Amino acid sequence: RVQTMLIAIGEQVKKDQVLAMLDISDLKTNLDQLKQELTSIQKSEGAQRDRYSIDIRRMALQLENEASELIERLSLIESKSTELASLNAEIERLKNAEQAGLGHSRDLADLILQRDALLSYLREQKKNLESQSQQVEKTRQSRKFLEAADIDSMTKSLLTEQMEYAESLRRLVAETEHRISLRTIVAPCDGYV
């Protein structure tokens, strides 16, 4: 449909002079919708990029916390092993004193009970020690990977689908603008209509 006729039959025109404009209301509406959707996608892309970046940093902190907890557990096992060694030495010293005829200590029975409880605790913990050590190593490797990784490139990779959709919208906007320009009829050369 012709929206505006800018010349009349018989008029003289110059090359590239606008002769008429066709109706572009449908394309204009489509263009406005595409631009709104593109703006919305770009805003949500920024928000999601921030969210992914925060999530990645949170994962790094969680890995750091897990590693700290595992190291703390391993340190506790090590300290309990040291405590067991000192209890065994004290029990041995008291037994040697008893055998040498220096008397009987009431603390010996308590120390033996304490040692047995500590032994059973350490046996239980040593069952899990290998898996805990492996978990510490995995956590360290994951932390190193996250520290070496570029957070921005990681967030971009998570947003790939959304970025591709935004690019397709940009192409549609350009195509629609081109179609609008094609609805302007211009004179191909100097002459008369």
N, C-alpha and C. Protein backbone atom coordinates (compact mmCIF):
# COMPACT_ATOMS: atom_id res chain seq x y z
N ARG A 1 0.83 -1.19 0.00
CA ARG A 1 0.00 0.00 0.00
C ARG A 1 0.87 1.24 0.00
N VAL A 2 0.47 2.20 -0.81
CA VAL A 2 1.18 3.47 -0.87
C VAL A 2 0.73 4.31 0.31
N GLN A 3 1.68 4.78 1.08
CA GLN A 3 1.35 5.63 2.22
C GLN A 3 1.38 7.09 1.80
N THR A 4 2.44 7.48 1.08
CA THR A 4 2.58 8.87 0.68
C THR A 4 3.10 8.92 -0.76
N MET A 5 2.44 9.75 -1.58
CA MET A 5 2.88 9.96 -2.94
C MET A 5 3.46 11.37 -2.96
N LEU A 6 4.75 11.52 -3.29
CA LEU A 6 5.41 12.82 -3.20
C LEU A 6 5.53 13.53 -4.56
N ILE A 7 5.13 12.89 -5.63
CA ILE A 7 5.20 13.50 -6.96
C ILE A 7 3.90 13.24 -7.69
N ALA A 8 3.70 13.94 -8.80
CA ALA A 8 2.52 13.73 -9.63
C ALA A 8 3.00 13.31 -11.02
N ILE A 9 2.12 12.69 -11.75
CA ILE A 9 2.47 12.23 -13.09
C ILE A 9 2.83 13.45 -13.95
N GLY A 10 3.92 13.35 -14.67
CA GLY A 10 4.38 14.43 -15.54
C GLY A 10 5.43 15.32 -14.90
N GLU A 11 5.68 15.20 -13.61
CA GLU A 11 6.67 16.04 -12.95
C GLU A 11 8.09 15.59 -13.31
N GLN A 12 9.00 16.57 -13.28
CA GLN A 12 10.40 16.27 -13.53
C GLN A 12 11.04 15.84 -12.20
N VAL A 13 11.88 14.80 -12.24
CA VAL A 13 12.54 14.29 -11.04
C VAL A 13 14.03 14.13 -11.30
N LYS A 14 14.79 14.14 -10.21
CA LYS A 14 16.24 13.93 -10.27
C LYS A 14 16.53 12.50 -9.79
N LYS A 15 17.70 12.01 -10.15
CA LYS A 15 18.11 10.67 -9.71
C LYS A 15 18.14 10.63 -8.18
N ASP A 16 17.65 9.52 -7.58
CA ASP A 16 17.58 9.25 -6.13
C ASP A 16 16.61 10.14 -5.38
N GLN A 17 15.73 10.87 -6.11
CA GLN A 17 14.69 11.67 -5.44
C GLN A 17 13.60 10.71 -4.98
N VAL A 18 13.07 10.93 -3.76
CA VAL A 18 12.02 10.07 -3.24
C VAL A 18 10.74 10.36 -4.00
N LEU A 19 10.14 9.31 -4.55
CA LEU A 19 8.91 9.45 -5.32
C LEU A 19 7.68 9.12 -4.48
N ALA A 20 7.82 8.04 -3.70
CA ALA A 20 6.68 7.60 -2.88
C ALA A 20 7.20 6.77 -1.73
N MET A 21 6.37 6.69 -0.71
CA MET A 21 6.70 5.84 0.43
C MET A 21 5.56 4.86 0.62
N LEU A 22 5.93 3.59 0.73
CA LEU A 22 4.94 2.56 0.96
C LEU A 22 4.67 2.45 2.47
N ASP A 23 3.59 1.82 2.81
CA ASP A 23 3.22 1.66 4.21
C ASP A 23 4.26 0.78 4.93
N ILE A 24 4.79 1.28 6.03
CA ILE A 24 5.78 0.52 6.81
C ILE A 24 5.29 0.23 8.22
N SER A 25 4.02 0.43 8.47
CA SER A 25 3.51 0.26 9.85
C SER A 25 3.74 -1.17 10.36
N ASP A 26 3.54 -2.17 9.49
CA ASP A 26 3.77 -3.55 9.92
C ASP A 26 5.24 -3.80 10.26
N LEU A 27 6.12 -3.27 9.41
CA LEU A 27 7.56 -3.44 9.66
C LEU A 27 8.00 -2.63 10.88
N LYS A 28 7.43 -1.45 11.05
CA LYS A 28 7.78 -0.60 12.19
C LYS A 28 7.39 -1.29 13.50
N THR A 29 6.20 -1.89 13.52
CA THR A 29 5.75 -2.63 14.72
C THR A 29 6.67 -3.80 14.99
N ASN A 30 6.99 -4.53 13.94
CA ASN A 30 7.89 -5.68 14.08
C ASN A 30 9.27 -5.23 14.58
N LEU A 31 9.77 -4.14 14.01
CA LEU A 31 11.08 -3.61 14.41
C LEU A 31 11.08 -3.19 15.88
N ASP A 32 10.02 -2.51 16.31
CA ASP A 32 9.92 -2.10 17.73
C ASP A 32 9.92 -3.31 18.66
N GLN A 33 9.18 -4.35 18.28
CA GLN A 33 9.14 -5.56 19.11
C GLN A 33 10.51 -6.23 19.18
N LEU A 34 11.19 -6.31 18.03
CA LEU A 34 12.51 -6.92 18.00
C LEU A 34 13.50 -6.14 18.87
N LYS A 35 13.44 -4.81 18.78
CA LYS A 35 14.36 -3.99 19.58
C LYS A 35 14.07 -4.12 21.08
N GLN A 36 12.78 -4.18 21.43
CA GLN A 36 12.43 -4.37 22.85
C GLN A 36 12.93 -5.72 23.36
N GLU A 37 12.72 -6.74 22.56
CA GLU A 37 13.17 -8.07 22.96
C GLU A 37 14.70 -8.12 23.07
N LEU A 38 15.39 -7.49 22.14
CA LEU A 38 16.85 -7.45 22.18
C LEU A 38 17.34 -6.71 23.43
N THR A 39 16.71 -5.60 23.75
CA THR A 39 17.07 -4.84 24.96
C THR A 39 16.85 -5.69 26.19
N SER A 40 15.73 -6.37 26.23
CA SER A 40 15.42 -7.24 27.38
C SER A 40 16.45 -8.35 27.51
N ILE A 41 16.82 -8.97 26.39
CA ILE A 41 17.83 -10.04 26.40
C ILE A 41 19.17 -9.50 26.89
N GLN A 42 19.54 -8.32 26.43
CA GLN A 42 20.83 -7.75 26.84
C GLN A 42 20.85 -7.45 28.34
N LYS A 43 19.73 -6.94 28.86
CA LYS A 43 19.66 -6.67 30.30
C LYS A 43 19.73 -7.96 31.11
N SER A 44 18.98 -8.97 30.68
CA SER A 44 19.00 -10.23 31.42
C SER A 44 20.35 -10.93 31.26
N GLU A 45 21.01 -10.72 30.12
CA GLU A 45 22.33 -11.29 29.91
C GLU A 45 23.33 -10.73 30.92
N GLY A 46 23.25 -9.44 31.15
CA GLY A 46 24.13 -8.82 32.13
C GLY A 46 23.86 -9.34 33.53
N ALA A 47 22.58 -9.47 33.86
CA ALA A 47 22.21 -9.99 35.19
C ALA A 47 22.66 -11.44 35.35
N GLN A 48 22.46 -12.24 34.30
CA GLN A 48 22.88 -13.64 34.38
C GLN A 48 24.40 -13.77 34.42
N ARG A 49 25.08 -12.90 33.71
CA ARG A 49 26.55 -12.92 33.75
C ARG A 49 27.02 -12.65 35.19
N ASP A 50 26.40 -11.66 35.84
CA ASP A 50 26.75 -11.36 37.23
C ASP A 50 26.44 -12.55 38.13
N ARG A 51 25.26 -13.16 37.90
CA ARG A 51 24.87 -14.30 38.73
C ARG A 51 25.83 -15.47 38.57
N TYR A 52 26.18 -15.78 37.31
CA TYR A 52 27.11 -16.88 37.06
C TYR A 52 28.47 -16.58 37.69
N SER A 53 28.90 -15.34 37.58
CA SER A 53 30.18 -14.96 38.16
C SER A 53 30.15 -15.15 39.68
N ILE A 54 29.06 -14.75 40.30
CA ILE A 54 28.91 -14.93 41.75
C ILE A 54 28.86 -16.42 42.09
N ASP A 55 28.14 -17.20 41.29
CA ASP A 55 28.06 -18.65 41.53
C ASP A 55 29.44 -19.30 41.44
N ILE A 56 30.24 -18.89 40.47
CA ILE A 56 31.57 -19.46 40.30
C ILE A 56 32.45 -19.09 41.50
N ARG A 57 32.34 -17.84 41.94
CA ARG A 57 33.13 -17.43 43.11
C ARG A 57 32.66 -18.18 44.36
N ARG A 58 31.34 -18.38 44.47
CA ARG A 58 30.80 -19.12 45.62
C ARG A 58 31.31 -20.57 45.61
N MET A 59 31.37 -21.17 44.40
CA MET A 59 31.91 -22.53 44.31
C MET A 59 33.36 -22.57 44.77
N ALA A 60 34.12 -21.55 44.39
CA ALA A 60 35.53 -21.50 44.80
C ALA A 60 35.63 -21.40 46.32
N LEU A 61 34.77 -20.60 46.93
CA LEU A 61 34.77 -20.49 48.39
C LEU A 61 34.34 -21.80 49.04
N GLN A 62 33.34 -22.46 48.45
CA GLN A 62 32.90 -23.75 49.00
C GLN A 62 34.04 -24.77 48.93
N LEU A 63 34.73 -24.79 47.82
CA LEU A 63 35.86 -25.71 47.68
C LEU A 63 36.94 -25.40 48.72
N GLU A 64 37.17 -24.12 48.93
CA GLU A 64 38.16 -23.71 49.92
C GLU A 64 37.73 -24.15 51.32
N ASN A 65 36.44 -23.97 51.62
CA ASN A 65 35.91 -24.40 52.93
C ASN A 65 36.01 -25.91 53.10
N GLU A 66 35.65 -26.65 52.05
CA GLU A 66 35.73 -28.11 52.12
C GLU A 66 37.17 -28.56 52.35
N ALA A 67 38.09 -27.93 51.63
CA ALA A 67 39.50 -28.28 51.81
C ALA A 67 39.96 -27.98 53.23
N SER A 68 39.53 -26.84 53.75
CA SER A 68 39.91 -26.48 55.12
C SER A 68 39.35 -27.48 56.13
N GLU A 69 38.09 -27.86 55.93
CA GLU A 69 37.47 -28.84 56.84
C GLU A 69 38.19 -30.19 56.77
N LEU A 70 38.51 -30.62 55.57
CA LEU A 70 39.21 -31.90 55.42
C LEU A 70 40.60 -31.85 56.03
N ILE A 71 41.29 -30.75 55.82
CA ILE A 71 42.62 -30.60 56.41
C ILE A 71 42.52 -30.56 57.93
N GLU A 72 41.47 -29.91 58.43
CA GLU A 72 41.26 -29.86 59.88
C GLU A 72 41.02 -31.26 60.44
N ARG A 73 40.21 -32.07 59.72
CA ARG A 73 39.98 -33.45 60.16
C ARG A 73 41.27 -34.26 60.16
N LEU A 74 42.06 -34.09 59.11
CA LEU A 74 43.33 -34.81 59.04
C LEU A 74 44.28 -34.36 60.15
N SER A 75 44.26 -33.08 60.47
CA SER A 75 45.09 -32.57 61.57
C SER A 75 44.63 -33.14 62.90
N LEU A 76 43.31 -33.27 63.07
CA LEU A 76 42.77 -33.85 64.30
C LEU A 76 43.23 -35.30 64.44
N ILE A 77 43.18 -36.06 63.36
CA ILE A 77 43.64 -37.45 63.38
C ILE A 77 45.12 -37.51 63.74
N GLU A 78 45.88 -36.61 63.16
CA GLU A 78 47.32 -36.57 63.45
C GLU A 78 47.58 -36.22 64.92
N SER A 79 46.81 -35.25 65.44
CA SER A 79 47.01 -34.88 66.85
C SER A 79 46.58 -36.01 67.78
N LYS A 80 45.52 -36.73 67.39
CA LYS A 80 45.08 -37.87 68.20
C LYS A 80 46.12 -38.99 68.15
N SER A 81 46.77 -39.15 67.00
CA SER A 81 47.84 -40.16 66.89
C SER A 81 49.01 -39.79 67.79
N THR A 82 49.33 -38.52 67.85
CA THR A 82 50.40 -38.04 68.73
C THR A 82 50.01 -38.25 70.18
N GLU A 83 48.75 -37.97 70.48
CA GLU A 83 48.24 -38.18 71.85
C GLU A 83 48.33 -39.67 72.22
N LEU A 84 48.00 -40.53 71.26
CA LEU A 84 48.07 -41.97 71.50
C LEU A 84 49.52 -42.39 71.79
N ALA A 85 50.45 -41.85 71.04
CA ALA A 85 51.86 -42.18 71.26
C ALA A 85 52.31 -41.75 72.65
N SER A 86 51.87 -40.58 73.09
CA SER A 86 52.27 -40.12 74.43
C SER A 86 51.60 -40.95 75.52
N LEU A 87 50.33 -41.38 75.29
CA LEU A 87 49.65 -42.26 76.25
C LEU A 87 50.38 -43.60 76.34
N ASN A 88 50.76 -44.15 75.20
CA ASN A 88 51.50 -45.42 75.21
C ASN A 88 52.82 -45.28 75.95
N ALA A 89 53.50 -44.16 75.77
CA ALA A 89 54.77 -43.94 76.46
C ALA A 89 54.55 -43.82 77.97
N GLU A 90 53.48 -43.13 78.36
CA GLU A 90 53.18 -42.97 79.81
C GLU A 90 52.80 -44.32 80.43
N ILE A 91 51.99 -45.10 79.69
CA ILE A 91 51.60 -46.43 80.19
C ILE A 91 52.84 -47.31 80.33
N GLU A 92 53.70 -47.27 79.34
CA GLU A 92 54.94 -48.06 79.38
C GLU A 92 55.81 -47.63 80.56
N ARG A 93 55.90 -46.33 80.81
CA ARG A 93 56.71 -45.82 81.93
C ARG A 93 56.15 -46.30 83.26
N LEU A 94 54.80 -46.25 83.41
CA LEU A 94 54.17 -46.69 84.66
C LEU A 94 54.32 -48.21 84.86
N LYS A 95 54.21 -48.96 83.76
CA LYS A 95 54.39 -50.42 83.86
C LYS A 95 55.83 -50.75 84.26
N ASN A 96 56.78 -50.06 83.68
CA ASN A 96 58.20 -50.28 84.03
C ASN A 96 58.45 -49.93 85.50
N ALA A 97 57.82 -48.88 85.96
CA ALA A 97 57.98 -48.49 87.36
C ALA A 97 57.39 -49.55 88.28
N GLU A 98 56.24 -50.11 87.87
CA GLU A 98 55.58 -51.16 88.65
C GLU A 98 56.46 -52.41 88.71
N GLN A 99 57.03 -52.78 87.57
CA GLN A 99 57.88 -53.97 87.50
C GLN A 99 59.18 -53.76 88.29
N ALA A 100 59.60 -52.53 88.38
CA ALA A 100 60.82 -52.24 89.13
C ALA A 100 60.55 -52.19 90.63
N GLY A 101 59.26 -52.34 91.01
CA GLY A 101 58.91 -52.36 92.42
C GLY A 101 58.75 -50.98 93.02
N LEU A 102 58.48 -50.00 92.19
CA LEU A 102 58.32 -48.64 92.70
C LEU A 102 56.88 -48.33 93.09
N GLY A 103 56.02 -49.31 93.06
CA GLY A 103 54.63 -49.12 93.48
C GLY A 103 53.66 -49.21 92.32
N HIS A 104 52.40 -49.18 92.69
CA HIS A 104 51.32 -49.31 91.71
C HIS A 104 50.63 -47.95 91.57
N SER A 105 50.44 -47.53 90.35
CA SER A 105 49.79 -46.24 90.08
C SER A 105 48.31 -46.45 89.77
N ARG A 106 47.47 -45.64 90.40
CA ARG A 106 46.03 -45.71 90.12
C ARG A 106 45.70 -45.14 88.74
N ASP A 107 46.58 -44.31 88.24
CA ASP A 107 46.35 -43.69 86.94
C ASP A 107 46.51 -44.67 85.78
N LEU A 108 47.15 -45.79 86.00
CA LEU A 108 47.42 -46.74 84.93
C LEU A 108 46.14 -47.25 84.29
N ALA A 109 45.16 -47.62 85.08
CA ALA A 109 43.89 -48.15 84.55
C ALA A 109 43.17 -47.07 83.75
N ASP A 110 43.16 -45.85 84.27
CA ASP A 110 42.52 -44.74 83.54
C ASP A 110 43.22 -44.48 82.21
N LEU A 111 44.53 -44.52 82.25
CA LEU A 111 45.30 -44.29 81.02
C LEU A 111 45.05 -45.39 79.99
N ILE A 112 44.93 -46.64 80.46
CA ILE A 112 44.65 -47.75 79.54
C ILE A 112 43.27 -47.59 78.91
N LEU A 113 42.28 -47.20 79.72
CA LEU A 113 40.93 -46.95 79.18
C LEU A 113 40.95 -45.81 78.17
N GLN A 114 41.66 -44.76 78.50
CA GLN A 114 41.77 -43.61 77.60
C GLN A 114 42.46 -44.01 76.29
N ARG A 115 43.51 -44.82 76.40
CA ARG A 115 44.23 -45.29 75.22
C ARG A 115 43.35 -46.16 74.34
N ASP A 116 42.58 -47.07 74.96
CA ASP A 116 41.70 -47.96 74.19
C ASP A 116 40.62 -47.17 73.45
N ALA A 117 40.06 -46.17 74.13
CA ALA A 117 39.04 -45.33 73.49
C ALA A 117 39.65 -44.57 72.31
N LEU A 118 40.84 -44.06 72.53
CA LEU A 118 41.53 -43.32 71.48
C LEU A 118 41.90 -44.23 70.31
N LEU A 119 42.30 -45.46 70.61
CA LEU A 119 42.61 -46.44 69.57
C LEU A 119 41.40 -46.75 68.71
N SER A 120 40.25 -46.96 69.35
CA SER A 120 39.05 -47.28 68.57
C SER A 120 38.62 -46.07 67.73
N TYR A 121 38.77 -44.87 68.27
CA TYR A 121 38.44 -43.65 67.51
C TYR A 121 39.35 -43.55 66.27
N LEU A 122 40.66 -43.77 66.48
CA LEU A 122 41.60 -43.67 65.37
C LEU A 122 41.39 -44.76 64.33
N ARG A 123 41.05 -45.97 64.76
CA ARG A 123 40.75 -47.05 63.80
C ARG A 123 39.58 -46.65 62.91
N GLU A 124 38.56 -46.10 63.54
CA GLU A 124 37.37 -45.68 62.80
C GLU A 124 37.72 -44.56 61.81
N GLN A 125 38.52 -43.61 62.28
CA GLN A 125 38.89 -42.49 61.42
C GLN A 125 39.82 -42.91 60.30
N LYS A 126 40.70 -43.87 60.56
CA LYS A 126 41.65 -44.31 59.53
C LYS A 126 40.95 -45.06 58.40
N LYS A 127 39.77 -45.62 58.69
CA LYS A 127 39.00 -46.24 57.61
C LYS A 127 38.63 -45.19 56.57
N ASN A 128 38.31 -44.00 57.04
CA ASN A 128 37.91 -42.91 56.14
C ASN A 128 39.09 -42.05 55.69
N LEU A 129 40.26 -42.28 56.27
CA LEU A 129 41.42 -41.44 56.01
C LEU A 129 41.82 -41.42 54.52
N GLU A 130 41.82 -42.58 53.89
CA GLU A 130 42.21 -42.65 52.48
C GLU A 130 41.24 -41.85 51.61
N SER A 131 39.94 -42.03 51.84
CA SER A 131 38.96 -41.30 51.02
C SER A 131 39.03 -39.80 51.33
N GLN A 132 39.30 -39.44 52.58
CA GLN A 132 39.42 -38.03 52.93
C GLN A 132 40.66 -37.42 52.27
N SER A 133 41.74 -38.16 52.24
CA SER A 133 42.96 -37.66 51.58
C SER A 133 42.73 -37.47 50.08
N GLN A 134 42.03 -38.41 49.47
CA GLN A 134 41.70 -38.28 48.04
C GLN A 134 40.79 -37.08 47.82
N GLN A 135 39.84 -36.89 48.73
CA GLN A 135 38.91 -35.76 48.61
C GLN A 135 39.66 -34.43 48.73
N VAL A 136 40.65 -34.37 49.64
CA VAL A 136 41.46 -33.16 49.78
C VAL A 136 42.19 -32.87 48.47
N GLU A 137 42.74 -33.91 47.86
CA GLU A 137 43.48 -33.72 46.60
C GLU A 137 42.55 -33.27 45.48
N LYS A 138 41.37 -33.88 45.39
CA LYS A 138 40.40 -33.46 44.37
C LYS A 138 39.98 -32.02 44.58
N THR A 139 39.76 -31.65 45.83
CA THR A 139 39.35 -30.28 46.15
C THR A 139 40.46 -29.30 45.78
N ARG A 140 41.71 -29.65 46.07
CA ARG A 140 42.84 -28.79 45.70
C ARG A 140 42.93 -28.62 44.18
N GLN A 141 42.74 -29.71 43.46
CA GLN A 141 42.79 -29.62 42.00
C GLN A 141 41.66 -28.75 41.47
N SER A 142 40.47 -28.90 42.03
CA SER A 142 39.33 -28.08 41.60
C SER A 142 39.59 -26.61 41.89
N ARG A 143 40.17 -26.33 43.06
CA ARG A 143 40.49 -24.94 43.41
C ARG A 143 41.52 -24.37 42.44
N LYS A 144 42.54 -25.16 42.11
CA LYS A 144 43.56 -24.69 41.17
C LYS A 144 42.94 -24.40 39.81
N PHE A 145 42.04 -25.29 39.39
CA PHE A 145 41.37 -25.09 38.10
C PHE A 145 40.57 -23.79 38.12
N LEU A 146 39.81 -23.56 39.19
CA LEU A 146 39.00 -22.34 39.27
C LEU A 146 39.88 -21.09 39.36
N GLU A 147 41.00 -21.18 40.07
CA GLU A 147 41.90 -20.03 40.18
C GLU A 147 42.53 -19.71 38.83
N ALA A 148 42.84 -20.74 38.06
CA ALA A 148 43.49 -20.53 36.77
C ALA A 148 42.48 -20.12 35.69
N ALA A 149 41.22 -20.47 35.89
CA ALA A 149 40.21 -20.20 34.86
C ALA A 149 39.86 -18.72 34.82
N ASP A 150 39.52 -18.27 33.64
CA ASP A 150 39.05 -16.91 33.44
C ASP A 150 37.54 -16.90 33.69
N ILE A 151 37.15 -16.24 34.77
CA ILE A 151 35.73 -16.25 35.16
C ILE A 151 34.86 -15.66 34.06
N ASP A 152 35.36 -14.62 33.40
CA ASP A 152 34.58 -13.99 32.34
C ASP A 152 34.32 -14.96 31.19
N SER A 153 35.34 -15.73 30.81
CA SER A 153 35.14 -16.69 29.71
C SER A 153 34.22 -17.83 30.15
N MET A 154 34.28 -18.20 31.43
CA MET A 154 33.38 -19.24 31.93
C MET A 154 31.93 -18.76 31.88
N THR A 155 31.69 -17.51 32.30
CA THR A 155 30.32 -17.00 32.27
C THR A 155 29.83 -16.86 30.83
N LYS A 156 30.74 -16.47 29.93
CA LYS A 156 30.35 -16.38 28.52
C LYS A 156 29.96 -17.74 27.97
N SER A 157 30.69 -18.77 28.37
CA SER A 157 30.35 -20.11 27.87
C SER A 157 29.00 -20.56 28.40
N LEU A 158 28.66 -20.13 29.62
CA LEU A 158 27.35 -20.48 30.17
C LEU A 158 26.23 -19.70 29.48
N LEU A 159 26.57 -18.56 28.91
CA LEU A 159 25.56 -17.71 28.27
C LEU A 159 25.54 -17.86 26.75
N THR A 160 26.23 -18.85 26.22
CA THR A 160 26.37 -19.00 24.77
C THR A 160 25.03 -19.02 24.05
N GLU A 161 24.11 -19.80 24.55
CA GLU A 161 22.80 -19.92 23.89
C GLU A 161 22.08 -18.57 23.86
N GLN A 162 22.11 -17.87 24.97
CA GLN A 162 21.44 -16.58 25.04
C GLN A 162 22.14 -15.56 24.13
N MET A 163 23.46 -15.62 24.06
CA MET A 163 24.20 -14.70 23.20
C MET A 163 23.90 -14.99 21.72
N GLU A 164 23.76 -16.26 21.37
CA GLU A 164 23.42 -16.62 19.99
C GLU A 164 22.03 -16.10 19.62
N TYR A 165 21.09 -16.20 20.59
CA TYR A 165 19.74 -15.69 20.33
C TYR A 165 19.76 -14.17 20.15
N ALA A 166 20.56 -13.48 20.97
CA ALA A 166 20.68 -12.02 20.85
C ALA A 166 21.26 -11.66 19.49
N GLU A 167 22.23 -12.43 19.03
CA GLU A 167 22.82 -12.16 17.71
C GLU A 167 21.80 -12.38 16.60
N SER A 168 20.97 -13.41 16.72
CA SER A 168 19.93 -13.63 15.70
C SER A 168 18.92 -12.48 15.71
N LEU A 169 18.64 -11.94 16.91
CA LEU A 169 17.74 -10.77 16.99
C LEU A 169 18.37 -9.55 16.32
N ARG A 170 19.68 -9.35 16.50
CA ARG A 170 20.36 -8.23 15.85
C ARG A 170 20.27 -8.35 14.33
N ARG A 171 20.43 -9.58 13.83
CA ARG A 171 20.31 -9.80 12.38
C ARG A 171 18.89 -9.49 11.90
N LEU A 172 17.89 -9.90 12.68
CA LEU A 172 16.50 -9.61 12.31
C LEU A 172 16.22 -8.11 12.32
N VAL A 173 16.79 -7.39 13.28
CA VAL A 173 16.63 -5.93 13.33
C VAL A 173 17.22 -5.31 12.07
N ALA A 174 18.44 -5.72 11.73
CA ALA A 174 19.10 -5.17 10.52
C ALA A 174 18.30 -5.51 9.26
N GLU A 175 17.80 -6.72 9.19
CA GLU A 175 17.00 -7.14 8.03
C GLU A 175 15.71 -6.32 7.94
N THR A 176 15.06 -6.10 9.07
CA THR A 176 13.81 -5.33 9.07
C THR A 176 14.08 -3.88 8.69
N GLU A 177 15.18 -3.30 9.18
CA GLU A 177 15.53 -1.93 8.80
C GLU A 177 15.81 -1.84 7.31
N HIS A 178 16.44 -2.87 6.76
CA HIS A 178 16.69 -2.90 5.32
C HIS A 178 15.37 -2.99 4.54
N ARG A 179 14.46 -3.81 5.02
CA ARG A 179 13.15 -3.93 4.36
C ARG A 179 12.39 -2.61 4.42
N ILE A 180 12.54 -1.88 5.52
CA ILE A 180 11.88 -0.56 5.62
C ILE A 180 12.47 0.37 4.56
N SER A 181 13.80 0.32 4.41
CA SER A 181 14.43 1.20 3.41
C SER A 181 13.99 0.85 1.99
N LEU A 182 13.67 -0.42 1.77
CA LEU A 182 13.21 -0.83 0.44
C LEU A 182 11.80 -0.35 0.14
N ARG A 183 11.08 0.07 1.14
CA ARG A 183 9.71 0.57 0.92
C ARG A 183 9.69 2.06 0.61
N THR A 184 10.84 2.63 0.39
CA THR A 184 10.92 4.01 -0.08
C THR A 184 11.30 3.93 -1.57
N ILE A 185 10.42 4.46 -2.43
CA ILE A 185 10.65 4.36 -3.87
C ILE A 185 11.34 5.64 -4.32
N VAL A 186 12.51 5.46 -4.96
CA VAL A 186 13.30 6.59 -5.43
C VAL A 186 13.43 6.53 -6.94
N ALA A 187 13.71 7.69 -7.51
CA ALA A 187 13.88 7.75 -8.96
C ALA A 187 15.21 7.11 -9.33
N PRO A 188 15.20 6.20 -10.31
CA PRO A 188 16.44 5.53 -10.71
C PRO A 188 17.36 6.44 -11.55
N CYS A 189 16.75 7.51 -12.15
CA CYS A 189 17.55 8.40 -12.97
C CYS A 189 16.80 9.74 -13.12
N ASP A 190 17.44 10.73 -13.72
CA ASP A 190 16.77 12.00 -14.00
C ASP A 190 15.73 11.76 -15.09
N GLY A 191 14.61 12.51 -15.00
CA GLY A 191 13.60 12.35 -16.05
C GLY A 191 12.24 12.82 -15.59
N TYR A 192 11.20 12.31 -16.27
CA TYR A 192 9.81 12.69 -15.99
C TYR A 192 9.04 11.47 -15.57
N VAL A 193 8.08 11.67 -14.69
CA VAL A 193 7.24 10.56 -14.23
C VAL A 193 6.15 10.35 -15.25
